[in-house]
N, C-alpha and C. Protein backbone atom coordinates (compact mmCIF):
# COMPACT_ATOMS: atom_id res chain seq x y z
N THR A 1 -6.67 5.70 -0.56
CA THR A 1 -6.40 4.71 -1.60
C THR A 1 -6.22 3.35 -0.97
N GLU A 2 -5.99 2.38 -1.81
CA GLU A 2 -5.80 1.01 -1.35
C GLU A 2 -4.34 0.61 -1.55
N GLN A 3 -3.79 -0.10 -0.58
CA GLN A 3 -2.40 -0.53 -0.63
C GLN A 3 -2.36 -2.04 -0.50
N ASN A 4 -1.68 -2.70 -1.43
CA ASN A 4 -1.53 -4.16 -1.38
C ASN A 4 -0.06 -4.49 -1.13
N VAL A 5 0.18 -5.32 -0.12
CA VAL A 5 1.54 -5.65 0.29
C VAL A 5 1.64 -7.18 0.42
N LEU A 6 2.81 -7.70 0.03
CA LEU A 6 3.03 -9.14 0.18
C LEU A 6 3.39 -9.47 1.62
N LEU A 7 2.96 -10.63 2.06
CA LEU A 7 3.26 -11.14 3.39
C LEU A 7 4.77 -11.08 3.63
N GLY A 8 5.17 -10.49 4.77
CA GLY A 8 6.58 -10.40 5.14
C GLY A 8 7.30 -9.17 4.61
N GLN A 9 6.69 -8.44 3.69
CA GLN A 9 7.30 -7.22 3.14
C GLN A 9 6.89 -6.01 3.98
N ASN A 10 7.61 -4.90 3.78
CA ASN A 10 7.22 -3.64 4.41
C ASN A 10 6.24 -2.91 3.50
N GLY A 11 5.30 -2.21 4.11
CA GLY A 11 4.35 -1.40 3.35
C GLY A 11 4.37 0.03 3.87
N THR A 12 4.23 1.00 2.97
CA THR A 12 4.28 2.41 3.37
C THR A 12 3.07 3.15 2.84
N LEU A 13 2.44 3.90 3.74
CA LEU A 13 1.37 4.82 3.38
C LEU A 13 1.93 6.22 3.50
N GLN A 14 1.54 7.13 2.61
CA GLN A 14 2.03 8.50 2.75
C GLN A 14 1.01 9.51 2.28
N ILE A 15 1.16 10.71 2.86
CA ILE A 15 0.28 11.83 2.52
C ILE A 15 1.16 13.08 2.41
N THR A 16 0.87 13.91 1.43
CA THR A 16 1.58 15.18 1.27
C THR A 16 0.66 16.28 1.78
N CYS A 17 1.21 17.14 2.63
CA CYS A 17 0.40 18.20 3.22
C CYS A 17 1.21 19.47 3.36
N ASP A 18 0.75 20.54 2.73
CA ASP A 18 1.35 21.86 2.88
C ASP A 18 0.47 22.67 3.82
N ALA A 19 0.98 22.97 5.01
CA ALA A 19 0.18 23.72 5.98
C ALA A 19 1.09 24.57 6.85
N PHE A 20 0.54 25.70 7.29
CA PHE A 20 1.24 26.55 8.25
C PHE A 20 0.23 26.96 9.30
N PRO A 21 0.53 26.78 10.58
CA PRO A 21 1.74 26.15 11.11
C PRO A 21 1.82 24.66 10.76
N VAL A 22 3.01 24.10 10.94
CA VAL A 22 3.24 22.70 10.63
C VAL A 22 2.25 21.84 11.42
N PRO A 23 1.57 20.93 10.75
CA PRO A 23 0.54 20.14 11.42
C PRO A 23 1.09 19.01 12.27
N LYS A 24 0.26 18.60 13.22
CA LYS A 24 0.52 17.37 13.98
C LYS A 24 -0.19 16.27 13.20
N VAL A 25 0.52 15.17 12.96
CA VAL A 25 -0.04 14.07 12.18
C VAL A 25 -0.16 12.85 13.09
N THR A 26 -1.34 12.26 13.15
CA THR A 26 -1.59 11.09 13.98
C THR A 26 -2.11 9.98 13.08
N TRP A 27 -1.50 8.81 13.20
CA TRP A 27 -1.91 7.65 12.42
C TRP A 27 -2.73 6.70 13.29
N PHE A 28 -3.73 6.06 12.67
CA PHE A 28 -4.60 5.11 13.36
C PHE A 28 -4.72 3.84 12.52
N PHE A 29 -4.91 2.71 13.20
CA PHE A 29 -5.20 1.44 12.54
C PHE A 29 -6.47 0.90 13.16
N ASN A 30 -7.51 0.73 12.33
CA ASN A 30 -8.83 0.29 12.83
C ASN A 30 -9.23 1.12 14.06
N ASP A 31 -9.03 2.44 13.98
CA ASP A 31 -9.40 3.43 15.01
C ASP A 31 -8.58 3.34 16.30
N THR A 32 -7.44 2.66 16.28
CA THR A 32 -6.52 2.66 17.42
C THR A 32 -5.30 3.48 17.04
N GLU A 33 -4.96 4.47 17.89
CA GLU A 33 -3.82 5.33 17.58
C GLU A 33 -2.52 4.52 17.57
N LEU A 34 -1.70 4.79 16.57
CA LEU A 34 -0.41 4.09 16.44
C LEU A 34 0.71 4.97 16.98
N LYS A 35 1.58 4.36 17.74
CA LYS A 35 2.77 5.05 18.25
C LYS A 35 3.98 4.50 17.51
N ASN A 36 5.08 5.22 17.57
CA ASN A 36 6.32 4.76 16.97
C ASN A 36 6.74 3.46 17.66
N SER A 37 6.95 2.40 16.87
CA SER A 37 7.30 1.09 17.42
C SER A 37 8.08 0.32 16.35
N PRO A 38 8.63 -0.83 16.70
CA PRO A 38 9.30 -1.62 15.66
C PRO A 38 8.34 -2.01 14.52
N LYS A 39 7.05 -2.10 14.82
CA LYS A 39 6.04 -2.48 13.81
C LYS A 39 5.60 -1.30 12.96
N HIS A 40 5.39 -0.13 13.60
CA HIS A 40 4.87 1.05 12.92
C HIS A 40 5.84 2.22 13.09
N LYS A 41 6.31 2.77 11.96
CA LYS A 41 7.27 3.86 12.02
C LYS A 41 6.75 5.08 11.25
N PRO A 42 6.22 6.08 11.98
CA PRO A 42 5.82 7.32 11.30
C PRO A 42 7.05 8.19 11.02
N GLU A 43 7.08 8.84 9.86
CA GLU A 43 8.20 9.70 9.50
C GLU A 43 7.68 10.96 8.84
N VAL A 44 8.51 12.03 8.91
CA VAL A 44 8.19 13.29 8.25
C VAL A 44 9.42 13.73 7.47
N LYS A 45 9.23 14.01 6.19
CA LYS A 45 10.29 14.58 5.36
C LYS A 45 9.68 15.77 4.64
N GLN A 46 10.01 16.97 5.12
CA GLN A 46 9.43 18.21 4.61
C GLN A 46 7.91 18.14 4.72
N ASN A 47 7.19 18.12 3.60
CA ASN A 47 5.72 18.11 3.66
C ASN A 47 5.12 16.74 3.37
N VAL A 48 5.95 15.68 3.44
CA VAL A 48 5.48 14.31 3.20
C VAL A 48 5.50 13.55 4.52
N PHE A 49 4.33 13.07 4.91
CA PHE A 49 4.17 12.32 6.16
C PHE A 49 3.91 10.87 5.77
N SER A 50 4.69 9.95 6.34
CA SER A 50 4.53 8.55 5.95
C SER A 50 4.46 7.65 7.18
N LEU A 51 3.89 6.48 6.96
CA LEU A 51 3.84 5.44 7.98
C LEU A 51 4.29 4.15 7.31
N THR A 52 5.37 3.55 7.87
CA THR A 52 5.85 2.27 7.36
C THR A 52 5.41 1.17 8.31
N VAL A 53 4.79 0.15 7.75
CA VAL A 53 4.39 -1.03 8.51
C VAL A 53 5.42 -2.12 8.18
N SER A 54 6.17 -2.56 9.18
CA SER A 54 7.26 -3.51 8.97
C SER A 54 6.76 -4.95 8.97
N LYS A 55 7.39 -5.75 8.13
CA LYS A 55 7.14 -7.20 8.08
C LYS A 55 5.64 -7.50 8.16
N CYS A 56 4.93 -7.06 7.17
CA CYS A 56 3.46 -7.17 7.16
C CYS A 56 2.99 -8.62 7.33
N ASP A 57 1.95 -8.76 8.13
CA ASP A 57 1.33 -10.05 8.38
C ASP A 57 -0.19 -9.87 8.23
N HIS A 58 -0.91 -10.96 8.18
CA HIS A 58 -2.37 -10.88 7.96
C HIS A 58 -3.09 -9.98 8.96
N PRO A 59 -2.70 -9.93 10.26
CA PRO A 59 -3.41 -9.02 11.18
C PRO A 59 -3.23 -7.53 10.85
N ASP A 60 -2.27 -7.19 9.96
CA ASP A 60 -2.07 -5.79 9.56
C ASP A 60 -3.09 -5.34 8.52
N THR A 61 -3.88 -6.27 7.99
CA THR A 61 -4.92 -5.93 7.03
C THR A 61 -6.02 -5.15 7.75
N GLY A 62 -6.43 -4.03 7.15
CA GLY A 62 -7.49 -3.24 7.76
C GLY A 62 -7.49 -1.83 7.22
N ILE A 63 -8.11 -0.93 7.97
CA ILE A 63 -8.23 0.47 7.56
C ILE A 63 -7.25 1.32 8.36
N TYR A 64 -6.38 2.01 7.65
CA TYR A 64 -5.46 2.97 8.27
C TYR A 64 -6.01 4.36 8.02
N ARG A 65 -5.89 5.21 9.04
CA ARG A 65 -6.40 6.58 8.93
C ARG A 65 -5.32 7.53 9.42
N VAL A 66 -5.21 8.66 8.75
CA VAL A 66 -4.28 9.69 9.18
C VAL A 66 -5.07 10.96 9.48
N LEU A 67 -4.78 11.56 10.63
CA LEU A 67 -5.41 12.81 11.04
C LEU A 67 -4.34 13.90 11.01
N VAL A 68 -4.59 14.96 10.26
CA VAL A 68 -3.66 16.08 10.12
C VAL A 68 -4.32 17.30 10.75
N ASP A 69 -3.66 17.88 11.77
CA ASP A 69 -4.26 18.99 12.52
C ASP A 69 -3.18 20.02 12.85
N ASN A 70 -3.36 21.26 12.37
CA ASN A 70 -2.38 22.31 12.69
C ASN A 70 -2.94 23.34 13.66
N GLY A 71 -4.05 23.03 14.33
CA GLY A 71 -4.61 23.95 15.31
C GLY A 71 -5.58 24.95 14.70
N ILE A 72 -5.51 25.14 13.39
CA ILE A 72 -6.42 26.05 12.69
C ILE A 72 -7.46 25.25 11.91
N ASP A 73 -6.99 24.22 11.27
CA ASP A 73 -7.86 23.36 10.48
C ASP A 73 -7.36 21.93 10.62
N HIS A 74 -8.21 20.98 10.24
CA HIS A 74 -7.78 19.58 10.27
C HIS A 74 -8.47 18.81 9.16
N THR A 75 -7.85 17.72 8.79
CA THR A 75 -8.41 16.84 7.76
C THR A 75 -7.97 15.42 8.07
N GLU A 76 -8.65 14.47 7.48
CA GLU A 76 -8.22 13.08 7.64
C GLU A 76 -8.45 12.32 6.35
N GLN A 77 -7.65 11.30 6.16
CA GLN A 77 -7.75 10.43 5.00
C GLN A 77 -7.68 8.99 5.48
N THR A 78 -8.32 8.09 4.75
CA THR A 78 -8.24 6.67 5.09
C THR A 78 -7.73 5.88 3.90
N ALA A 79 -7.15 4.73 4.20
CA ALA A 79 -6.66 3.84 3.15
C ALA A 79 -6.87 2.40 3.60
N LYS A 80 -7.29 1.57 2.68
CA LYS A 80 -7.42 0.14 2.96
C LYS A 80 -6.08 -0.52 2.70
N PHE A 81 -5.65 -1.34 3.63
CA PHE A 81 -4.34 -1.99 3.59
C PHE A 81 -4.58 -3.50 3.52
N ASN A 82 -4.09 -4.13 2.47
CA ASN A 82 -4.28 -5.57 2.28
C ASN A 82 -2.93 -6.28 2.31
N VAL A 83 -2.86 -7.38 3.04
CA VAL A 83 -1.66 -8.20 3.06
C VAL A 83 -2.01 -9.53 2.41
N GLY A 84 -1.23 -9.91 1.41
CA GLY A 84 -1.52 -11.15 0.70
C GLY A 84 -0.26 -11.97 0.48
N VAL A 85 -0.48 -13.17 -0.01
CA VAL A 85 0.65 -14.05 -0.30
C VAL A 85 0.90 -14.04 -1.80
N LYS A 86 2.16 -14.27 -2.14
CA LYS A 86 2.54 -14.30 -3.54
C LYS A 86 1.92 -15.54 -4.19
N PRO A 87 1.25 -15.37 -5.33
CA PRO A 87 0.65 -16.55 -5.96
C PRO A 87 1.73 -17.52 -6.44
N LYS A 88 1.44 -18.79 -6.32
CA LYS A 88 2.38 -19.80 -6.78
C LYS A 88 2.04 -20.15 -8.22
N VAL A 89 3.08 -20.29 -9.01
CA VAL A 89 2.90 -20.71 -10.39
C VAL A 89 3.46 -22.11 -10.50
N GLU A 90 2.61 -23.03 -10.84
CA GLU A 90 3.05 -24.41 -10.96
C GLU A 90 2.91 -24.87 -12.39
N ALA A 91 3.97 -25.52 -12.87
CA ALA A 91 3.93 -26.07 -14.22
C ALA A 91 3.07 -27.33 -14.21
N PRO A 92 2.30 -27.54 -15.26
CA PRO A 92 1.50 -28.76 -15.31
C PRO A 92 2.42 -29.98 -15.36
N LYS A 93 2.01 -31.02 -14.69
CA LYS A 93 2.82 -32.25 -14.64
C LYS A 93 2.67 -33.01 -15.96
N ALA A 94 3.79 -33.55 -16.41
CA ALA A 94 3.78 -34.31 -17.65
C ALA A 94 2.97 -35.61 -17.45
N ALA A 95 2.23 -35.97 -18.48
CA ALA A 95 1.39 -37.17 -18.37
C ALA A 95 2.16 -38.41 -18.74
């Protein structure tokens, strides 16, 4: 799916996966593997695997991919991640 996040906000991608044995989940950004860092935080809560991108900036825009592999089978999903600025609303100036 596509995720739209405002500049400076956190954005989270998540996937639900029921598998046995428990799968290894690897996240990628533009085909580069992501490790746990202040910028990228992968988490697991039961069968929900998520990746939080902190303080989103324009370079975070791109394709995120998750690879789920439990040694028996594997699958992957991709999502487009967009970082934008909040539109400004300006009142028309009085003439």
